[in-house]
Amino acid sequence: MSEDYSSIDKSQLISMIHFFEKRDEESKKENGALKELIKELQETHKQDVKTQLNLMKSIDSLTNQVADLTTQNKTFQQKINDLLSKR
């Protein structure tokens, strides 16, 4: 699409230039804001990953504790059964 700008007067051209300059500045601001948002999201993601890793470690630790307690309970139950059978 080719437009003939020769028919546009000087004030209209200046107005168009100002419009495009303003739009360019707005675009730069929007890009800056988006870059900041990306940085914030990346930091949030890093924190979420750390939190998830910590939660996984806690779950593993609790699972091991439950397994240990289950083993201890079985041992105690066996000792109780042995003592009751000796009566």
PDB file of N, CA and C in Angstrom:
ATOM      1  N   MET A   1       0.850  -1.175   0.000  1.00  0.00           N
ATOM      2  CA  MET A   1       0.000   0.000   0.000  1.00  0.00           C
ATOM      3  C   MET A   1       0.893   1.234   0.000  1.00  0.00           C
ATOM      4  N   SER A   2       0.772   2.015  -1.012  1.00  0.00           N
ATOM      5  CA  SER A   2       1.596   3.208  -1.135  1.00  0.00           C
ATOM      6  C   SER A   2       0.709   4.434  -0.956  1.00  0.00           C
ATOM      7  N   GLU A   3       1.151   5.305  -0.064  1.00  0.00           N
ATOM      8  CA  GLU A   3       0.391   6.531   0.148  1.00  0.00           C
ATOM      9  C   GLU A   3       1.193   7.698  -0.387  1.00  0.00           C
ATOM     10  N   ASP A   4       0.511   8.655  -0.900  1.00  0.00           N
ATOM     11  CA  ASP A   4       1.167   9.838  -1.445  1.00  0.00           C
ATOM     12  C   ASP A   4       1.137  10.927  -0.379  1.00  0.00           C
ATOM     13  N   TYR A   5       2.286  11.134   0.243  1.00  0.00           N
ATOM     14  CA  TYR A   5       2.363  12.136   1.319  1.00  0.00           C
ATOM     15  C   TYR A   5       2.518  13.557   0.780  1.00  0.00           C
ATOM     16  N   SER A   6       2.694  13.690  -0.517  1.00  0.00           N
ATOM     17  CA  SER A   6       2.873  15.035  -1.084  1.00  0.00           C
ATOM     18  C   SER A   6       1.605  15.872  -0.982  1.00  0.00           C
ATOM     19  N   SER A   7       0.457  15.192  -0.821  1.00  0.00           N
ATOM     20  CA  SER A   7      -0.803  15.938  -0.714  1.00  0.00           C
ATOM     21  C   SER A   7      -1.098  16.370   0.721  1.00  0.00           C
ATOM     22  N   ILE A   8      -0.278  15.922   1.667  1.00  0.00           N
ATOM     23  CA  ILE A   8      -0.491  16.275   3.075  1.00  0.00           C
ATOM     24  C   ILE A   8       0.278  17.552   3.364  1.00  0.00           C
ATOM     25  N   ASP A   9      -0.367  18.463   4.066  1.00  0.00           N
ATOM     26  CA  ASP A   9       0.334  19.721   4.352  1.00  0.00           C
ATOM     27  C   ASP A   9       1.317  19.559   5.504  1.00  0.00           C
ATOM     28  N   LYS A  10       2.146  20.533   5.679  1.00  0.00           N
ATOM     29  CA  LYS A  10       3.255  20.490   6.646  1.00  0.00           C
ATOM     30  C   LYS A  10       2.757  20.235   8.073  1.00  0.00           C
ATOM     31  N   SER A  11       1.693  20.885   8.499  1.00  0.00           N
ATOM     32  CA  SER A  11       1.204  20.718   9.876  1.00  0.00           C
ATOM     33  C   SER A  11       0.693  19.297  10.110  1.00  0.00           C
ATOM     34  N   GLN A  12       0.095  18.692   9.089  1.00  0.00           N
ATOM     35  CA  GLN A  12      -0.372  17.310   9.227  1.00  0.00           C
ATOM     36  C   GLN A  12       0.823  16.355   9.346  1.00  0.00           C
ATOM     37  N   LEU A  13       1.861  16.611   8.552  1.00  0.00           N
ATOM     38  CA  LEU A  13       3.057  15.777   8.632  1.00  0.00           C
ATOM     39  C   LEU A  13       3.721  15.901   9.997  1.00  0.00           C
ATOM     40  N   ILE A  14       3.812  17.127  10.496  1.00  0.00           N
ATOM     41  CA  ILE A  14       4.402  17.352  11.822  1.00  0.00           C
ATOM     42  C   ILE A  14       3.568  16.651  12.881  1.00  0.00           C
ATOM     43  N   SER A  15       2.250  16.735  12.737  1.00  0.00           N
ATOM     44  CA  SER A  15       1.354  16.067  13.685  1.00  0.00           C
ATOM     45  C   SER A  15       1.572  14.554  13.653  1.00  0.00           C
ATOM     46  N   MET A  16       1.733  14.005  12.460  1.00  0.00           N
ATOM     47  CA  MET A  16       1.981  12.570  12.326  1.00  0.00           C
ATOM     48  C   MET A  16       3.311  12.188  12.969  1.00  0.00           C
ATOM     49  N   ILE A  17       4.322  13.001  12.743  1.00  0.00           N
ATOM     50  CA  ILE A  17       5.646  12.735  13.331  1.00  0.00           C
ATOM     51  C   ILE A  17       5.566  12.747  14.845  1.00  0.00           C
ATOM     52  N   HIS A  18       4.856  13.728  15.403  1.00  0.00           N
ATOM     53  CA  HIS A  18       4.693  13.800  16.858  1.00  0.00           C
ATOM     54  C   HIS A  18       3.934  12.573  17.379  1.00  0.00           C
ATOM     55  N   PHE A  19       2.913  12.164  16.642  1.00  0.00           N
ATOM     56  CA  PHE A  19       2.151  10.986  17.030  1.00  0.00           C
ATOM     57  C   PHE A  19       3.065   9.757  17.088  1.00  0.00           C
ATOM     58  N   PHE A  20       3.879   9.574  16.016  1.00  0.00           N
ATOM     59  CA  PHE A  20       4.760   8.415  15.969  1.00  0.00           C
ATOM     60  C   PHE A  20       5.855   8.492  17.033  1.00  0.00           C
ATOM     61  N   GLU A  21       6.349   9.677  17.319  1.00  0.00           N
ATOM     62  CA  GLU A  21       7.348   9.831  18.391  1.00  0.00           C
ATOM     63  C   GLU A  21       6.734   9.465  19.737  1.00  0.00           C
ATOM     64  N   LYS A  22       5.516   9.966  19.966  1.00  0.00           N
ATOM     65  CA  LYS A  22       4.837   9.664  21.224  1.00  0.00           C
ATOM     66  C   LYS A  22       4.578   8.164  21.339  1.00  0.00           C
ATOM     67  N   ARG A  23       4.134   7.573  20.247  1.00  0.00           N
ATOM     68  CA  ARG A  23       3.865   6.126  20.253  1.00  0.00           C
ATOM     69  C   ARG A  23       5.143   5.331  20.484  1.00  0.00           C
ATOM     70  N   ASP A  24       6.247   5.796  19.923  1.00  0.00           N
ATOM     71  CA  ASP A  24       7.538   5.142  20.127  1.00  0.00           C
ATOM     72  C   ASP A  24       7.942   5.199  21.602  1.00  0.00           C
ATOM     73  N   GLU A  25       7.761   6.343  22.234  1.00  0.00           N
ATOM     74  CA  GLU A  25       8.082   6.483  23.667  1.00  0.00           C
ATOM     75  C   GLU A  25       7.188   5.581  24.509  1.00  0.00           C
ATOM     76  N   GLU A  26       5.899   5.550  24.180  1.00  0.00           N
ATOM     77  CA  GLU A  26       4.975   4.676  24.914  1.00  0.00           C
ATOM     78  C   GLU A  26       5.379   3.210  24.756  1.00  0.00           C
ATOM     79  N   SER A  27       5.781   2.877  23.555  1.00  0.00           N
ATOM     80  CA  SER A  27       6.203   1.505  23.281  1.00  0.00           C
ATOM     81  C   SER A  27       7.445   1.146  24.094  1.00  0.00           C
ATOM     82  N   LYS A  28       8.379   2.069  24.193  1.00  0.00           N
ATOM     83  CA  LYS A  28       9.587   1.837  24.991  1.00  0.00           C
ATOM     84  C   LYS A  28       9.232   1.655  26.461  1.00  0.00           C
ATOM     85  N   LYS A  29       8.310   2.466  26.964  1.00  0.00           N
ATOM     86  CA  LYS A  29       7.876   2.333  28.359  1.00  0.00           C
ATOM     87  C   LYS A  29       7.197   0.983  28.585  1.00  0.00           C
ATOM     88  N   GLU A  30       6.335   0.604  27.647  1.00  0.00           N
ATOM     89  CA  GLU A  30       5.643  -0.683  27.765  1.00  0.00           C
ATOM     90  C   GLU A  30       6.653  -1.832  27.747  1.00  0.00           C
ATOM     91  N   ASN A  31       7.634  -1.745  26.865  1.00  0.00           N
ATOM     92  CA  ASN A  31       8.665  -2.784  26.807  1.00  0.00           C
ATOM     93  C   ASN A  31       9.451  -2.852  28.109  1.00  0.00           C
ATOM     94  N   GLY A  32       9.775  -1.682  28.659  1.00  0.00           N
ATOM     95  CA  GLY A  32      10.479  -1.643  29.944  1.00  0.00           C
ATOM     96  C   GLY A  32       9.653  -2.279  31.046  1.00  0.00           C
ATOM     97  N   ALA A  33       8.372  -1.962  31.074  1.00  0.00           N
ATOM     98  CA  ALA A  33       7.482  -2.541  32.087  1.00  0.00           C
ATOM     99  C   ALA A  33       7.380  -4.052  31.910  1.00  0.00           C
ATOM    100  N   LEU A  34       7.305  -4.503  30.673  1.00  0.00           N
ATOM    101  CA  LEU A  34       7.236  -5.940  30.418  1.00  0.00           C
ATOM    102  C   LEU A  34       8.528  -6.635  30.824  1.00  0.00           C
ATOM    103  N   LYS A  35       9.666  -5.993  30.586  1.00  0.00           N
ATOM    104  CA  LYS A  35      10.947  -6.575  31.001  1.00  0.00           C
ATOM    105  C   LYS A  35      11.015  -6.690  32.517  1.00  0.00           C
ATOM    106  N   GLU A  36      10.525  -5.676  33.224  1.00  0.00           N
ATOM    107  CA  GLU A  36      10.482  -5.717  34.692  1.00  0.00           C
ATOM    108  C   GLU A  36       9.579  -6.852  35.166  1.00  0.00           C
ATOM    109  N   LEU A  37       8.434  -6.981  34.520  1.00  0.00           N
ATOM    110  CA  LEU A  37       7.502  -8.039  34.884  1.00  0.00           C
ATOM    111  C   LEU A  37       8.145  -9.409  34.662  1.00  0.00           C
ATOM    112  N   ILE A  38       8.859  -9.552  33.567  1.00  0.00           N
ATOM    113  CA  ILE A  38       9.548 -10.823  33.291  1.00  0.00           C
ATOM    114  C   ILE A  38      10.571 -11.105  34.380  1.00  0.00           C
ATOM    115  N   LYS A  39      11.335 -10.092  34.791  1.00  0.00           N
ATOM    116  CA  LYS A  39      12.318 -10.279  35.863  1.00  0.00           C
ATOM    117  C   LYS A  39      11.628 -10.714  37.154  1.00  0.00           C
ATOM    118  N   GLU A  40      10.514 -10.064  37.492  1.00  0.00           N
ATOM    119  CA  GLU A  40       9.776 -10.409  38.707  1.00  0.00           C
ATOM    120  C   GLU A  40       9.246 -11.839  38.628  1.00  0.00           C
ATOM    121  N   LEU A  41       8.722 -12.216  37.469  1.00  0.00           N
ATOM    122  CA  LEU A  41       8.198 -13.571  37.301  1.00  0.00           C
ATOM    123  C   LEU A  41       9.311 -14.607  37.386  1.00  0.00           C
ATOM    124  N   GLN A  42      10.483 -14.277  36.834  1.00  0.00           N
ATOM    125  CA  GLN A  42      11.614 -15.198  36.925  1.00  0.00           C
ATOM    126  C   GLN A  42      12.044 -15.369  38.373  1.00  0.00           C
ATOM    127  N   GLU A  43      12.077 -14.285  39.126  1.00  0.00           N
ATOM    128  CA  GLU A  43      12.459 -14.357  40.539  1.00  0.00           C
ATOM    129  C   GLU A  43      11.420 -15.154  41.330  1.00  0.00           C
ATOM    130  N   THR A  44      10.152 -14.903  41.044  1.00  0.00           N
ATOM    131  CA  THR A  44       9.085 -15.664  41.701  1.00  0.00           C
ATOM    132  C   THR A  44       9.212 -17.144  41.375  1.00  0.00           C
ATOM    133  N   HIS A  45       9.510 -17.437  40.123  1.00  0.00           N
ATOM    134  CA  HIS A  45       9.681 -18.832  39.717  1.00  0.00           C
ATOM    135  C   HIS A  45      10.845 -19.473  40.472  1.00  0.00           C
ATOM    136  N   LYS A  46      11.956 -18.750  40.590  1.00  0.00           N
ATOM    137  CA  LYS A  46      13.108 -19.279  41.330  1.00  0.00           C
ATOM    138  C   LYS A  46      12.726 -19.570  42.772  1.00  0.00           C
ATOM    139  N   GLN A  47      11.996 -18.644  43.395  1.00  0.00           N
ATOM    140  CA  GLN A  47      11.562 -18.841  44.776  1.00  0.00           C
ATOM    141  C   GLN A  47      10.618 -20.038  44.876  1.00  0.00           C
ATOM    142  N   ASP A  48       9.716 -20.162  43.902  1.00  0.00           N
ATOM    143  CA  ASP A  48       8.786 -21.298  43.903  1.00  0.00           C
ATOM    144  C   ASP A  48       9.539 -22.618  43.785  1.00  0.00           C
ATOM    145  N   VAL A  49      10.560 -22.636  42.938  1.00  0.00           N
ATOM    146  CA  VAL A  49      11.350 -23.860  42.773  1.00  0.00           C
ATOM    147  C   VAL A  49      12.061 -24.193  44.088  1.00  0.00           C
ATOM    148  N   LYS A  50      12.630 -23.170  44.738  1.00  0.00           N
ATOM    149  CA  LYS A  50      13.297 -23.403  46.026  1.00  0.00           C
ATOM    150  C   LYS A  50      12.302 -23.929  47.052  1.00  0.00           C
ATOM    151  N   THR A  51      11.129 -23.312  47.096  1.00  0.00           N
ATOM    152  CA  THR A  51      10.101 -23.747  48.038  1.00  0.00           C
ATOM    153  C   THR A  51       9.682 -25.183  47.746  1.00  0.00           C
ATOM    154  N   GLN A  52       9.514 -25.491  46.471  1.00  0.00           N
ATOM    155  CA  GLN A  52       9.121 -26.844  46.094  1.00  0.00           C
ATOM    156  C   GLN A  52      10.199 -27.853  46.504  1.00  0.00           C
ATOM    157  N   LEU A  53      11.463 -27.500  46.292  1.00  0.00           N
ATOM    158  CA  LEU A  53      12.553 -28.396  46.695  1.00  0.00           C
ATOM    159  C   LEU A  53      12.560 -28.600  48.206  1.00  0.00           C
ATOM    160  N   ASN A  54      12.361 -27.507  48.953  1.00  0.00           N
ATOM    161  CA  ASN A  54      12.311 -27.620  50.410  1.00  0.00           C
ATOM    162  C   ASN A  54      11.138 -28.492  50.859  1.00  0.00           C
ATOM    163  N   LEU A  55      10.001 -28.321  50.196  1.00  0.00           N
ATOM    164  CA  LEU A  55       8.843 -29.150  50.537  1.00  0.00           C
ATOM    165  C   LEU A  55       9.112 -30.623  50.225  1.00  0.00           C
ATOM    166  N   MET A  56       9.760 -30.888  49.112  1.00  0.00           N
ATOM    167  CA  MET A  56      10.082 -32.270  48.758  1.00  0.00           C
ATOM    168  C   MET A  56      11.043 -32.880  49.778  1.00  0.00           C
ATOM    169  N   LYS A  57      12.022 -32.092  50.237  1.00  0.00           N
ATOM    170  CA  LYS A  57      12.948 -32.585  51.264  1.00  0.00           C
ATOM    171  C   LYS A  57      12.195 -32.872  52.561  1.00  0.00           C
ATOM    172  N   SER A  58      11.279 -31.978  52.911  1.00  0.00           N
ATOM    173  CA  SER A  58      10.480 -32.180  54.123  1.00  0.00           C
ATOM    174  C   SER A  58       9.619 -33.428  54.008  1.00  0.00           C
ATOM    175  N   ILE A  59       9.009 -33.621  52.844  1.00  0.00           N
ATOM    176  CA  ILE A  59       8.186 -34.817  52.633  1.00  0.00           C
ATOM    177  C   ILE A  59       9.039 -36.071  52.753  1.00  0.00           C
ATOM    178  N   ASP A  60      10.225 -36.049  52.139  1.00  0.00           N
ATOM    179  CA  ASP A  60      11.126 -37.211  52.239  1.00  0.00           C
ATOM    180  C   ASP A  60      11.503 -37.486  53.690  1.00  0.00           C
ATOM    181  N   SER A  61      11.820 -36.409  54.418  1.00  0.00           N
ATOM    182  CA  SER A  61      12.199 -36.561  55.823  1.00  0.00           C
ATOM    183  C   SER A  61      11.040 -37.137  56.642  1.00  0.00           C
ATOM    184  N   LEU A  62       9.848 -36.602  56.433  1.00  0.00           N
ATOM    185  CA  LEU A  62       8.679 -37.104  57.161  1.00  0.00           C
ATOM    186  C   LEU A  62       8.356 -38.548  56.779  1.00  0.00           C
ATOM    187  N   THR A  63       8.528 -38.878  55.518  1.00  0.00           N
ATOM    188  CA  THR A  63       8.302 -40.261  55.072  1.00  0.00           C
ATOM    189  C   THR A  63       9.268 -41.206  55.768  1.00  0.00           C
ATOM    190  N   ASN A  64      10.523 -40.792  55.870  1.00  0.00           N
ATOM    191  CA  ASN A  64      11.516 -41.616  56.580  1.00  0.00           C
ATOM    192  C   ASN A  64      11.176 -41.748  58.062  1.00  0.00           C
ATOM    193  N   GLN A  65      10.718 -40.646  58.658  1.00  0.00           N
ATOM    194  CA  GLN A  65      10.341 -40.705  60.073  1.00  0.00           C
ATOM    195  C   GLN A  65       9.164 -41.655  60.280  1.00  0.00           C
ATOM    196  N   VAL A  66       8.178 -41.598  59.386  1.00  0.00           N
ATOM    197  CA  VAL A  66       7.028 -42.498  59.487  1.00  0.00           C
ATOM    198  C   VAL A  66       7.482 -43.950  59.337  1.00  0.00           C
ATOM    199  N   ALA A  67       8.387 -44.193  58.392  1.00  0.00           N
ATOM    200  CA  ALA A  67       8.897 -45.558  58.203  1.00  0.00           C
ATOM    201  C   ALA A  67       9.624 -46.037  59.452  1.00  0.00           C
ATOM    202  N   ASP A  68      10.445 -45.155  60.040  1.00  0.00           N
ATOM    203  CA  ASP A  68      11.157 -45.519  61.275  1.00  0.00           C
ATOM    204  C   ASP A  68      10.181 -45.804  62.412  1.00  0.00           C
ATOM    205  N   LEU A  69       9.179 -44.950  62.564  1.00  0.00           N
ATOM    206  CA  LEU A  69       8.187 -45.158  63.625  1.00  0.00           C
ATOM    207  C   LEU A  69       7.392 -46.442  63.394  1.00  0.00           C
ATOM    208  N   THR A  70       7.080 -46.721  62.149  1.00  0.00           N
ATOM    209  CA  THR A  70       6.363 -47.961  61.841  1.00  0.00           C
ATOM    210  C   THR A  70       7.210 -49.170  62.224  1.00  0.00           C
ATOM    211  N   THR A  71       8.487 -49.113  61.898  1.00  0.00           N
ATOM    212  CA  THR A  71       9.399 -50.202  62.266  1.00  0.00           C
ATOM    213  C   THR A  71       9.487 -50.337  63.785  1.00  0.00           C
ATOM    214  N   GLN A  72       9.625 -49.217  64.485  1.00  0.00           N
ATOM    215  CA  GLN A  72       9.675 -49.245  65.952  1.00  0.00           C
ATOM    216  C   GLN A  72       8.384 -49.812  66.522  1.00  0.00           C
ATOM    217  N   ASN A  73       7.244 -49.396  65.981  1.00  0.00           N
ATOM    218  CA  ASN A  73       5.949 -49.903  66.459  1.00  0.00           C
ATOM    219  C   ASN A  73       5.850 -51.413  66.264  1.00  0.00           C
ATOM    220  N   LYS A  74       6.325 -51.902  65.129  1.00  0.00           N
ATOM    221  CA  LYS A  74       6.296 -53.350  64.884  1.00  0.00           C
ATOM    222  C   LYS A  74       7.177 -54.073  65.900  1.00  0.00           C
ATOM    223  N   THR A  75       8.344 -53.486  66.173  1.00  0.00           N
ATOM    224  CA  THR A  75       9.249 -54.094  67.159  1.00  0.00           C
ATOM    225  C   THR A  75       8.590 -54.107  68.536  1.00  0.00           C
ATOM    226  N   PHE A  76       8.000 -52.990  68.953  1.00  0.00           N
ATOM    227  CA  PHE A  76       7.317 -52.923  70.251  1.00  0.00           C
ATOM    228  C   PHE A  76       6.148 -53.906  70.303  1.00  0.00           C
ATOM    229  N   GLN A  77       5.389 -53.983  69.235  1.00  0.00           N
ATOM    230  CA  GLN A  77       4.249 -54.898  69.197  1.00  0.00           C
ATOM    231  C   GLN A  77       4.718 -56.348  69.329  1.00  0.00           C
ATOM    232  N   GLN A  78       5.819 -56.655  68.668  1.00  0.00           N
ATOM    233  CA  GLN A  78       6.374 -58.008  68.767  1.00  0.00           C
ATOM    234  C   GLN A  78       6.827 -58.298  70.194  1.00  0.00           C
ATOM    235  N   LYS A  79       7.478 -57.311  70.839  1.00  0.00           N
ATOM    236  CA  LYS A  79       7.918 -57.493  72.232  1.00  0.00           C
ATOM    237  C   LYS A  79       6.714 -57.674  73.152  1.00  0.00           C
ATOM    238  N   ILE A  80       5.670 -56.902  72.920  1.00  0.00           N
ATOM    239  CA  ILE A  80       4.444 -57.011  73.719  1.00  0.00           C
ATOM    240  C   ILE A  80       3.832 -58.401  73.532  1.00  0.00           C
ATOM    241  N   ASN A  81       3.755 -58.815  72.285  1.00  0.00           N
ATOM    242  CA  ASN A  81       3.205 -60.154  72.014  1.00  0.00           C
ATOM    243  C   ASN A  81       4.050 -61.240  72.673  1.00  0.00           C
ATOM    244  N   ASP A  82       5.371 -61.088  72.641  1.00  0.00           N
ATOM    245  CA  ASP A  82       6.251 -62.070  73.279  1.00  0.00           C
ATOM    246  C   ASP A  82       6.022 -62.089  74.783  1.00  0.00           C
ATOM    247  N   LEU A  83       5.906 -60.909  75.388  1.00  0.00           N
ATOM    248  CA  LEU A  83       5.679 -60.844  76.838  1.00  0.00           C
ATOM    249  C   LEU A  83       4.312 -61.436  77.206  1.00  0.00           C
ATOM    250  N   LEU A  84       3.305 -61.147  76.395  1.00  0.00           N
ATOM    251  CA  LEU A  84       1.965 -61.686  76.682  1.00  0.00           C
ATOM    252  C   LEU A  84       1.918 -63.195  76.512  1.00  0.00           C
ATOM    253  N   SER A  85       2.666 -63.710  75.581  1.00  0.00           N
ATOM    254  CA  SER A  85       2.657 -65.164  75.361  1.00  0.00           C
ATOM    255  C   SER A  85       3.396 -65.899  76.465  1.00  0.00           C
ATOM    256  N   LYS A  86       4.278 -65.253  77.214  1.00  0.00           N
ATOM    257  CA  LYS A  86       5.042 -65.878  78.305  1.00  0.00           C
ATOM    258  C   LYS A  86       4.271 -65.897  79.615  1.00  0.00           C
ATOM    259  N   ARG A  87       3.136 -65.319  79.683  1.00  0.00           N
ATOM    260  CA  ARG A  87       2.365 -65.301  80.921  1.00  0.00           C
ATOM    261  C   ARG A  87       1.902 -66.628  81.303  1.00  0.00           C
TER     262      ARG A  87
END
